[in-house]
PDB file of all heavy atoms in Angstrom:
ATOM      1  N   CYS A   1       1.043  15.698 -10.869  1.00  0.00           N
ATOM      2  CA  CYS A   1      -0.191  15.121 -10.351  1.00  0.00           C
ATOM      3  C   CYS A   1      -0.329  13.651 -10.675  1.00  0.00           C
ATOM      4  O   CYS A   1      -1.299  13.025 -10.283  1.00  0.00           O
ATOM      5  CB  CYS A   1      -1.404  15.879 -10.886  1.00  0.00           C
ATOM      6  SG  CYS A   1      -1.657  15.720 -12.644  1.00  0.00           S
ATOM      7  N   SER A   2       0.621  13.070 -11.379  1.00  0.00           N
ATOM      8  CA  SER A   2       0.450  11.682 -11.772  1.00  0.00           C
ATOM      9  C   SER A   2       1.436  10.744 -11.108  1.00  0.00           C
ATOM     10  O   SER A   2       1.194   9.559 -11.014  1.00  0.00           O
ATOM     11  CB  SER A   2       0.592  11.548 -13.293  1.00  0.00           C
ATOM     12  OG  SER A   2       1.899  11.908 -13.687  1.00  0.00           O
ATOM     13  N   GLN A   3       2.573  11.273 -10.656  1.00  0.00           N
ATOM     14  CA  GLN A   3       3.598  10.410 -10.092  1.00  0.00           C
ATOM     15  C   GLN A   3       3.663  10.555  -8.586  1.00  0.00           C
ATOM     16  O   GLN A   3       3.257  11.555  -8.022  1.00  0.00           O
ATOM     17  CB  GLN A   3       4.969  10.757 -10.669  1.00  0.00           C
ATOM     18  CG  GLN A   3       5.238  10.148 -12.022  1.00  0.00           C
ATOM     19  CD  GLN A   3       6.712  10.245 -12.359  1.00  0.00           C
ATOM     20  OE1 GLN A   3       7.367  11.194 -11.997  1.00  0.00           O
ATOM     21  NE2 GLN A   3       7.225   9.264 -13.049  1.00  0.00           N
ATOM     22  N   SER A   4       4.214   9.548  -7.950  1.00  0.00           N
ATOM     23  CA  SER A   4       4.457   9.626  -6.521  1.00  0.00           C
ATOM     24  C   SER A   4       5.517  10.682  -6.230  1.00  0.00           C
ATOM     25  O   SER A   4       6.523  10.783  -6.913  1.00  0.00           O
ATOM     26  CB  SER A   4       4.929   8.266  -6.008  1.00  0.00           C
ATOM     27  OG  SER A   4       5.414   8.391  -4.694  1.00  0.00           O
ATOM     28  N   ARG A   5       5.291  11.460  -5.196  1.00  0.00           N
ATOM     29  CA  ARG A   5       6.260  12.464  -4.779  1.00  0.00           C
ATOM     30  C   ARG A   5       7.215  11.922  -3.723  1.00  0.00           C
ATOM     31  O   ARG A   5       8.137  12.602  -3.320  1.00  0.00           O
ATOM     32  CB  ARG A   5       5.541  13.693  -4.222  1.00  0.00           C
ATOM     33  CG  ARG A   5       4.611  14.355  -5.221  1.00  0.00           C
ATOM     34  CD  ARG A   5       3.877  15.512  -4.583  1.00  0.00           C
ATOM     35  NE  ARG A   5       2.871  16.053  -5.490  1.00  0.00           N
ATOM     36  CZ  ARG A   5       2.049  17.053  -5.165  1.00  0.00           C
ATOM     37  NH1 ARG A   5       2.120  17.591  -3.974  1.00  0.00           N
ATOM     38  NH2 ARG A   5       1.157  17.486  -6.036  1.00  0.00           N
ATOM     39  N   TYR A   6       6.938  10.735  -3.232  1.00  0.00           N
ATOM     40  CA  TYR A   6       7.749  10.148  -2.183  1.00  0.00           C
ATOM     41  C   TYR A   6       8.311   8.816  -2.664  1.00  0.00           C
ATOM     42  O   TYR A   6       7.706   8.132  -3.473  1.00  0.00           O
ATOM     43  CB  TYR A   6       6.908   9.914  -0.917  1.00  0.00           C
ATOM     44  CG  TYR A   6       6.273  11.170  -0.376  1.00  0.00           C
ATOM     45  CD1 TYR A   6       4.994  11.555  -0.792  1.00  0.00           C
ATOM     46  CD2 TYR A   6       6.945  11.982   0.527  1.00  0.00           C
ATOM     47  CE1 TYR A   6       4.413  12.708  -0.313  1.00  0.00           C
ATOM     48  CE2 TYR A   6       6.357  13.144   1.016  1.00  0.00           C
ATOM     49  CZ  TYR A   6       5.095  13.506   0.595  1.00  0.00           C
ATOM     50  OH  TYR A   6       4.521  14.656   1.060  1.00  0.00           O
ATOM     51  N   SER A   7       9.461   8.465  -2.151  1.00  0.00           N
ATOM     52  CA  SER A   7      10.039   7.166  -2.473  1.00  0.00           C
ATOM     53  C   SER A   7      10.247   6.402  -1.184  1.00  0.00           C
ATOM     54  O   SER A   7      10.375   6.991  -0.110  1.00  0.00           O
ATOM     55  CB  SER A   7      11.366   7.329  -3.210  1.00  0.00           C
ATOM     56  OG  SER A   7      12.292   8.044  -2.412  1.00  0.00           O
ATOM     57  N   ILE A   8      10.267   5.098  -1.258  1.00  0.00           N
ATOM     58  CA  ILE A   8      10.519   4.279  -0.085  1.00  0.00           C
ATOM     59  C   ILE A   8      11.709   3.384  -0.371  1.00  0.00           C
ATOM     60  O   ILE A   8      12.002   3.057  -1.515  1.00  0.00           O
ATOM     61  CB  ILE A   8       9.288   3.432   0.313  1.00  0.00           C
ATOM     62  CG1 ILE A   8       8.868   2.496  -0.819  1.00  0.00           C
ATOM     63  CG2 ILE A   8       8.151   4.306   0.747  1.00  0.00           C
ATOM     64  CD1 ILE A   8       7.761   1.554  -0.432  1.00  0.00           C
ATOM     65  N   LYS A   9      12.375   2.997   0.675  1.00  0.00           N
ATOM     66  CA  LYS A   9      13.519   2.122   0.563  1.00  0.00           C
ATOM     67  C   LYS A   9      13.198   0.807   1.251  1.00  0.00           C
ATOM     68  O   LYS A   9      12.121   0.635   1.818  1.00  0.00           O
ATOM     69  CB  LYS A   9      14.747   2.783   1.203  1.00  0.00           C
ATOM     70  CG  LYS A   9      15.137   4.093   0.527  1.00  0.00           C
ATOM     71  CD  LYS A   9      16.323   4.738   1.216  1.00  0.00           C
ATOM     72  CE  LYS A   9      16.686   6.053   0.537  1.00  0.00           C
ATOM     73  NZ  LYS A   9      17.819   6.732   1.214  1.00  0.00           N
ATOM     74  N   ASN A  10      14.130  -0.101   1.204  1.00  0.00           N
ATOM     75  CA  ASN A  10      13.915  -1.379   1.869  1.00  0.00           C
ATOM     76  C   ASN A  10      13.609  -1.160   3.351  1.00  0.00           C
ATOM     77  O   ASN A  10      14.352  -0.463   4.046  1.00  0.00           O
ATOM     78  CB  ASN A  10      15.164  -2.263   1.754  1.00  0.00           C
ATOM     79  CG  ASN A  10      15.353  -2.767   0.344  1.00  0.00           C
ATOM     80  OD1 ASN A  10      14.386  -3.094  -0.329  1.00  0.00           O
ATOM     81  ND2 ASN A  10      16.587  -2.825  -0.114  1.00  0.00           N
ATOM     82  N   ASN A  11      12.520  -1.732   3.817  1.00  0.00           N
ATOM     83  CA  ASN A  11      12.164  -1.612   5.224  1.00  0.00           C
ATOM     84  C   ASN A  11      12.876  -2.685   6.031  1.00  0.00           C
ATOM     85  O   ASN A  11      13.018  -3.822   5.593  1.00  0.00           O
ATOM     86  CB  ASN A  11      10.646  -1.756   5.413  1.00  0.00           C
ATOM     87  CG  ASN A  11       9.895  -0.607   4.777  1.00  0.00           C
ATOM     88  OD1 ASN A  11      10.395   0.503   4.717  1.00  0.00           O
ATOM     89  ND2 ASN A  11       8.693  -0.876   4.308  1.00  0.00           N
ATOM     90  N   ASN A  12      13.316  -2.338   7.220  1.00  0.00           N
ATOM     91  CA  ASN A  12      13.939  -3.308   8.108  1.00  0.00           C
ATOM     92  C   ASN A  12      12.849  -4.063   8.865  1.00  0.00           C
ATOM     93  O   ASN A  12      12.573  -3.805  10.030  1.00  0.00           O
ATOM     94  CB  ASN A  12      14.894  -2.602   9.086  1.00  0.00           C
ATOM     95  CG  ASN A  12      16.066  -1.969   8.368  1.00  0.00           C
ATOM     96  OD1 ASN A  12      16.615  -2.569   7.451  1.00  0.00           O
ATOM     97  ND2 ASN A  12      16.440  -0.767   8.766  1.00  0.00           N
ATOM     98  N   VAL A  13      12.194  -4.958   8.165  1.00  0.00           N
ATOM     99  CA  VAL A  13      11.070  -5.691   8.726  1.00  0.00           C
ATOM    100  C   VAL A  13      11.517  -7.094   9.099  1.00  0.00           C
ATOM    101  O   VAL A  13      12.303  -7.721   8.384  1.00  0.00           O
ATOM    102  CB  VAL A  13       9.905  -5.752   7.702  1.00  0.00           C
ATOM    103  CG1 VAL A  13       8.764  -6.595   8.251  1.00  0.00           C
ATOM    104  CG2 VAL A  13       9.427  -4.356   7.371  1.00  0.00           C
ATOM    105  N   ASP A  14      11.028  -7.588  10.220  1.00  0.00           N
ATOM    106  CA  ASP A  14      11.328  -8.943  10.657  1.00  0.00           C
ATOM    107  C   ASP A  14      10.749  -9.925   9.638  1.00  0.00           C
ATOM    108  O   ASP A  14       9.530 -10.021   9.486  1.00  0.00           O
ATOM    109  CB  ASP A  14      10.731  -9.174  12.045  1.00  0.00           C
ATOM    110  CG  ASP A  14      11.037 -10.568  12.587  1.00  0.00           C
ATOM    111  OD1 ASP A  14      11.695 -11.347  11.874  1.00  0.00           O
ATOM    112  OD2 ASP A  14      10.611 -10.869  13.716  1.00  0.00           O
ATOM    113  N   VAL A  15      11.605 -10.633   8.940  1.00  0.00           N
ATOM    114  CA  VAL A  15      11.142 -11.522   7.877  1.00  0.00           C
ATOM    115  C   VAL A  15      10.410 -12.745   8.434  1.00  0.00           C
ATOM    116  O   VAL A  15       9.743 -13.460   7.693  1.00  0.00           O
ATOM    117  CB  VAL A  15      12.320 -11.993   6.993  1.00  0.00           C
ATOM    118  CG1 VAL A  15      12.932 -10.806   6.267  1.00  0.00           C
ATOM    119  CG2 VAL A  15      13.372 -12.721   7.821  1.00  0.00           C
ATOM    120  N   ASN A  16      10.526 -12.986   9.725  1.00  0.00           N
ATOM    121  CA  ASN A  16       9.909 -14.164  10.324  1.00  0.00           C
ATOM    122  C   ASN A  16       8.483 -13.920  10.800  1.00  0.00           C
ATOM    123  O   ASN A  16       7.784 -14.866  11.167  1.00  0.00           O
ATOM    124  CB  ASN A  16      10.759 -14.659  11.502  1.00  0.00           C
ATOM    125  CG  ASN A  16      12.123 -15.143  11.053  1.00  0.00           C
ATOM    126  OD1 ASN A  16      12.231 -15.883  10.076  1.00  0.00           O
ATOM    127  ND2 ASN A  16      13.173 -14.712  11.745  1.00  0.00           N
ATOM    128  N   ARG A  17       8.048 -12.679  10.832  1.00  0.00           N
ATOM    129  CA  ARG A  17       6.690 -12.415  11.299  1.00  0.00           C
ATOM    130  C   ARG A  17       5.707 -12.381  10.133  1.00  0.00           C
ATOM    131  O   ARG A  17       6.092 -12.154   8.976  1.00  0.00           O
ATOM    132  CB  ARG A  17       6.627 -11.103  12.078  1.00  0.00           C
ATOM    133  CG  ARG A  17       6.742  -9.847  11.225  1.00  0.00           C
ATOM    134  CD  ARG A  17       6.308  -8.618  12.021  1.00  0.00           C
ATOM    135  NE  ARG A  17       6.502  -7.380  11.301  1.00  0.00           N
ATOM    136  CZ  ARG A  17       5.637  -6.910  10.392  1.00  0.00           C
ATOM    137  NH1 ARG A  17       4.546  -7.598  10.082  1.00  0.00           N
ATOM    138  NH2 ARG A  17       5.874  -5.764   9.789  1.00  0.00           N
ATOM    139  N   SER A  18       4.440 -12.577  10.428  1.00  0.00           N
ATOM    140  CA  SER A  18       3.396 -12.456   9.412  1.00  0.00           C
ATOM    141  C   SER A  18       3.270 -10.997   8.991  1.00  0.00           C
ATOM    142  O   SER A  18       3.579 -10.083   9.760  1.00  0.00           O
ATOM    143  CB  SER A  18       2.065 -12.955   9.967  1.00  0.00           C
ATOM    144  OG  SER A  18       2.135 -14.304  10.326  1.00  0.00           O
ATOM    145  N   LYS A  19       2.810 -10.795   7.752  1.00  0.00           N
ATOM    146  CA  LYS A  19       2.659  -9.435   7.238  1.00  0.00           C
ATOM    147  C   LYS A  19       1.205  -9.201   6.824  1.00  0.00           C
ATOM    148  O   LYS A  19       0.499 -10.134   6.435  1.00  0.00           O
ATOM    149  CB  LYS A  19       3.605  -9.208   6.063  1.00  0.00           C
ATOM    150  CG  LYS A  19       5.075  -9.298   6.463  1.00  0.00           C
ATOM    151  CD  LYS A  19       5.990  -9.076   5.281  1.00  0.00           C
ATOM    152  CE  LYS A  19       7.433  -9.136   5.730  1.00  0.00           C
ATOM    153  NZ  LYS A  19       7.788 -10.431   6.343  1.00  0.00           N
ATOM    154  N   LEU A  20       0.791  -7.945   6.893  1.00  0.00           N
ATOM    155  CA  LEU A  20      -0.594  -7.579   6.609  1.00  0.00           C
ATOM    156  C   LEU A  20      -0.679  -6.797   5.314  1.00  0.00           C
ATOM    157  O   LEU A  20      -0.024  -5.760   5.152  1.00  0.00           O
ATOM    158  CB  LEU A  20      -1.161  -6.749   7.758  1.00  0.00           C
ATOM    159  CG  LEU A  20      -2.605  -6.241   7.556  1.00  0.00           C
ATOM    160  CD1 LEU A  20      -3.586  -7.411   7.487  1.00  0.00           C
ATOM    161  CD2 LEU A  20      -2.989  -5.293   8.682  1.00  0.00           C
ATOM    162  N   LEU A  21      -1.482  -7.292   4.383  1.00  0.00           N
ATOM    163  CA  LEU A  21      -1.780  -6.587   3.140  1.00  0.00           C
ATOM    164  C   LEU A  21      -3.217  -6.083   3.205  1.00  0.00           C
ATOM    165  O   LEU A  21      -4.133  -6.848   3.521  1.00  0.00           O
ATOM    166  CB  LEU A  21      -1.606  -7.513   1.940  1.00  0.00           C
ATOM    167  CG  LEU A  21      -1.949  -6.923   0.568  1.00  0.00           C
ATOM    168  CD1 LEU A  21      -0.993  -7.460  -0.498  1.00  0.00           C
ATOM    169  CD2 LEU A  21      -3.387  -7.254   0.139  1.00  0.00           C
ATOM    170  N   VAL A  22      -3.408  -4.798   2.916  1.00  0.00           N
ATOM    171  CA  VAL A  22      -4.751  -4.223   2.825  1.00  0.00           C
ATOM    172  C   VAL A  22      -5.093  -4.078   1.352  1.00  0.00           C
ATOM    173  O   VAL A  22      -4.345  -3.459   0.584  1.00  0.00           O
ATOM    174  CB  VAL A  22      -4.829  -2.862   3.535  1.00  0.00           C
ATOM    175  CG1 VAL A  22      -6.182  -2.187   3.265  1.00  0.00           C
ATOM    176  CG2 VAL A  22      -4.634  -3.043   5.033  1.00  0.00           C
ATOM    177  N   CYS A  23      -6.225  -4.638   0.951  1.00  0.00           N
ATOM    178  CA  CYS A  23      -6.634  -4.630  -0.455  1.00  0.00           C
ATOM    179  C   CYS A  23      -7.854  -3.732  -0.625  1.00  0.00           C
ATOM    180  O   CYS A  23      -8.929  -4.018  -0.094  1.00  0.00           O
ATOM    181  CB  CYS A  23      -6.940  -6.061  -0.900  1.00  0.00           C
ATOM    182  SG  CYS A  23      -7.028  -6.263  -2.676  1.00  0.00           S
ATOM    183  N   HIS A  24      -7.695  -2.650  -1.324  1.00  0.00           N
ATOM    184  CA  HIS A  24      -8.740  -1.661  -1.603  1.00  0.00           C
ATOM    185  C   HIS A  24      -9.662  -2.241  -2.674  1.00  0.00           C
ATOM    186  O   HIS A  24      -9.214  -2.686  -3.722  1.00  0.00           O
ATOM    187  CB  HIS A  24      -8.020  -0.403  -2.092  1.00  0.00           C
ATOM    188  CG  HIS A  24      -8.848   0.625  -2.777  1.00  0.00           C
ATOM    189  ND1 HIS A  24      -9.488   0.419  -3.970  1.00  0.00           N
ATOM    190  CD2 HIS A  24      -9.096   1.912  -2.445  1.00  0.00           C
ATOM    191  CE1 HIS A  24     -10.098   1.525  -4.341  1.00  0.00           C
ATOM    192  NE2 HIS A  24      -9.872   2.444  -3.438  1.00  0.00           N
ATOM    193  N   ASP A  25     -10.966  -2.244  -2.412  1.00  0.00           N
ATOM    194  CA  ASP A  25     -11.915  -2.873  -3.326  1.00  0.00           C
ATOM    195  C   ASP A  25     -12.746  -1.813  -4.033  1.00  0.00           C
ATOM    196  O   ASP A  25     -13.578  -1.156  -3.422  1.00  0.00           O
ATOM    197  CB  ASP A  25     -12.829  -3.829  -2.547  1.00  0.00           C
ATOM    198  CG  ASP A  25     -13.698  -4.673  -3.459  1.00  0.00           C
ATOM    199  OD1 ASP A  25     -13.803  -4.342  -4.652  1.00  0.00           O
ATOM    200  OD2 ASP A  25     -14.268  -5.656  -2.971  1.00  0.00           O
ATOM    201  N   MET A  26     -12.518  -1.669  -5.332  1.00  0.00           N
ATOM    202  CA  MET A  26     -13.219  -0.631  -6.100  1.00  0.00           C
ATOM    203  C   MET A  26     -14.729  -0.834  -6.163  1.00  0.00           C
ATOM    204  O   MET A  26     -15.463   0.088  -6.453  1.00  0.00           O
ATOM    205  CB  MET A  26     -12.671  -0.574  -7.522  1.00  0.00           C
ATOM    206  CG  MET A  26     -11.314   0.070  -7.643  1.00  0.00           C
ATOM    207  SD  MET A  26     -11.316   1.806  -7.213  1.00  0.00           S
ATOM    208  CE  MET A  26     -12.283   2.485  -8.551  1.00  0.00           C
ATOM    209  N   LYS A  27     -15.208  -2.037  -5.903  1.00  0.00           N
ATOM    210  CA  LYS A  27     -16.638  -2.299  -6.035  1.00  0.00           C
ATOM    211  C   LYS A  27     -17.450  -1.799  -4.850  1.00  0.00           C
ATOM    212  O   LYS A  27     -18.666  -1.790  -4.891  1.00  0.00           O
ATOM    213  CB  LYS A  27     -16.885  -3.799  -6.231  1.00  0.00           C
ATOM    214  CG  LYS A  27     -16.502  -4.286  -7.617  1.00  0.00           C
ATOM    215  CD  LYS A  27     -17.316  -3.604  -8.685  1.00  0.00           C
ATOM    216  CE  LYS A  27     -17.012  -4.145 -10.059  1.00  0.00           C
ATOM    217  NZ  LYS A  27     -17.784  -3.473 -11.112  1.00  0.00           N
ATOM    218  N   ASN A  28     -16.779  -1.381  -3.776  1.00  0.00           N
ATOM    219  CA  ASN A  28     -17.516  -0.895  -2.611  1.00  0.00           C
ATOM    220  C   ASN A  28     -17.546   0.627  -2.569  1.00  0.00           C
ATOM    221  O   ASN A  28     -17.323   1.237  -1.527  1.00  0.00           O
ATOM    222  CB  ASN A  28     -16.896  -1.459  -1.326  1.00  0.00           C
ATOM    223  CG  ASN A  28     -17.257  -2.918  -1.136  1.00  0.00           C
ATOM    224  OD1 ASN A  28     -18.113  -3.434  -1.845  1.00  0.00           O
ATOM    225  ND2 ASN A  28     -16.614  -3.583  -0.196  1.00  0.00           N
ATOM    226  N   ASN A  29     -17.812   1.218  -3.718  1.00  0.00           N
ATOM    227  CA  ASN A  29     -18.018   2.661  -3.834  1.00  0.00           C
ATOM    228  C   ASN A  29     -16.759   3.477  -3.610  1.00  0.00           C
ATOM    229  O   ASN A  29     -16.841   4.662  -3.352  1.00  0.00           O
ATOM    230  CB  ASN A  29     -19.116   3.133  -2.862  1.00  0.00           C
ATOM    231  CG  ASN A  29     -20.436   2.445  -3.130  1.00  0.00           C
ATOM    232  OD1 ASN A  29     -20.855   2.316  -4.270  1.00  0.00           O
ATOM    233  ND2 ASN A  29     -21.097   1.990  -2.079  1.00  0.00           N
ATOM    234  N   TYR A  30     -15.585   2.856  -3.722  1.00  0.00           N
ATOM    235  CA  TYR A  30     -14.343   3.617  -3.593  1.00  0.00           C
ATOM    236  C   TYR A  30     -13.932   4.087  -4.984  1.00  0.00           C
ATOM    237  O   TYR A  30     -12.953   3.624  -5.550  1.00  0.00           O
ATOM    238  CB  TYR A  30     -13.242   2.767  -2.972  1.00  0.00           C
ATOM    239  CG  TYR A  30     -13.637   2.027  -1.728  1.00  0.00           C
ATOM    240  CD1 TYR A  30     -13.097   0.787  -1.434  1.00  0.00           C
ATOM    241  CD2 TYR A  30     -14.553   2.574  -0.830  1.00  0.00           C
ATOM    242  CE1 TYR A  30     -13.437   0.100  -0.288  1.00  0.00           C
ATOM    243  CE2 TYR A  30     -14.905   1.892   0.323  1.00  0.00           C
ATOM    244  CZ  TYR A  30     -14.347   0.657   0.595  1.00  0.00           C
ATOM    245  OH  TYR A  30     -14.689  -0.010   1.726  1.00  0.00           O
ATOM    246  N   LEU A  31     -14.688   5.004  -5.537  1.00  0.00           N
ATOM    247  CA  LEU A  31     -14.456   5.409  -6.924  1.00  0.00           C
ATOM    248  C   LEU A  31     -13.859   6.806  -7.044  1.00  0.00           C
ATOM    249  O   LEU A  31     -13.121   7.086  -7.973  1.00  0.00           O
ATOM    250  CB  LEU A  31     -15.766   5.354  -7.706  1.00  0.00           C
ATOM    251  CG  LEU A  31     -16.452   3.980  -7.750  1.00  0.00           C
ATOM    252  CD1 LEU A  31     -17.831   4.109  -8.383  1.00  0.00           C
ATOM    253  CD2 LEU A  31     -15.605   2.995  -8.537  1.00  0.00           C
ATOM    254  N   GLU A  32     -14.177   7.688  -6.112  1.00  0.00           N
ATOM    255  CA  GLU A  32     -13.758   9.079  -6.232  1.00  0.00           C
ATOM    256  C   GLU A  32     -12.285   9.288  -5.920  1.00  0.00           C
ATOM    257  O   GLU A  32     -11.723  10.324  -6.256  1.00  0.00           O
ATOM    258  CB  GLU A  32     -14.615   9.958  -5.313  1.00  0.00           C
ATOM    259  CG  GLU A  32     -16.065  10.070  -5.755  1.00  0.00           C
ATOM    260  CD  GLU A  32     -16.189  10.745  -7.109  1.00  0.00           C
ATOM    261  OE1 GLU A  32     -15.470  11.730  -7.353  1.00  0.00           O
ATOM    262  OE2 GLU A  32     -17.002  10.295  -7.931  1.00  0.00           O
ATOM    263  N   ASP A  33     -11.652   8.327  -5.273  1.00  0.00           N
ATOM    264  CA  ASP A  33     -10.252   8.519  -4.901  1.00  0.00           C
ATOM    265  C   ASP A  33      -9.300   8.290  -6.074  1.00  0.00           C
ATOM    266  O   ASP A  33      -8.095   8.316  -5.898  1.00  0.00           O
ATOM    267  CB  ASP A  33      -9.856   7.624  -3.723  1.00  0.00           C
ATOM    268  CG  ASP A  33     -10.081   6.147  -4.010  1.00  0.00           C
ATOM    269  OD1 ASP A  33     -10.459   5.810  -5.145  1.00  0.00           O
ATOM    270  OD2 ASP A  33      -9.884   5.333  -3.085  1.00  0.00           O
TER     271      ASP A  33
END
């Protein structure tokens, strides 16, 4: 229950394109997850 059950490898992503990061904000009531 504490470790990831899945692993990821290097993604074949176009290094020249912009990338999107989603940042989860604990202050907006995202506490139960």
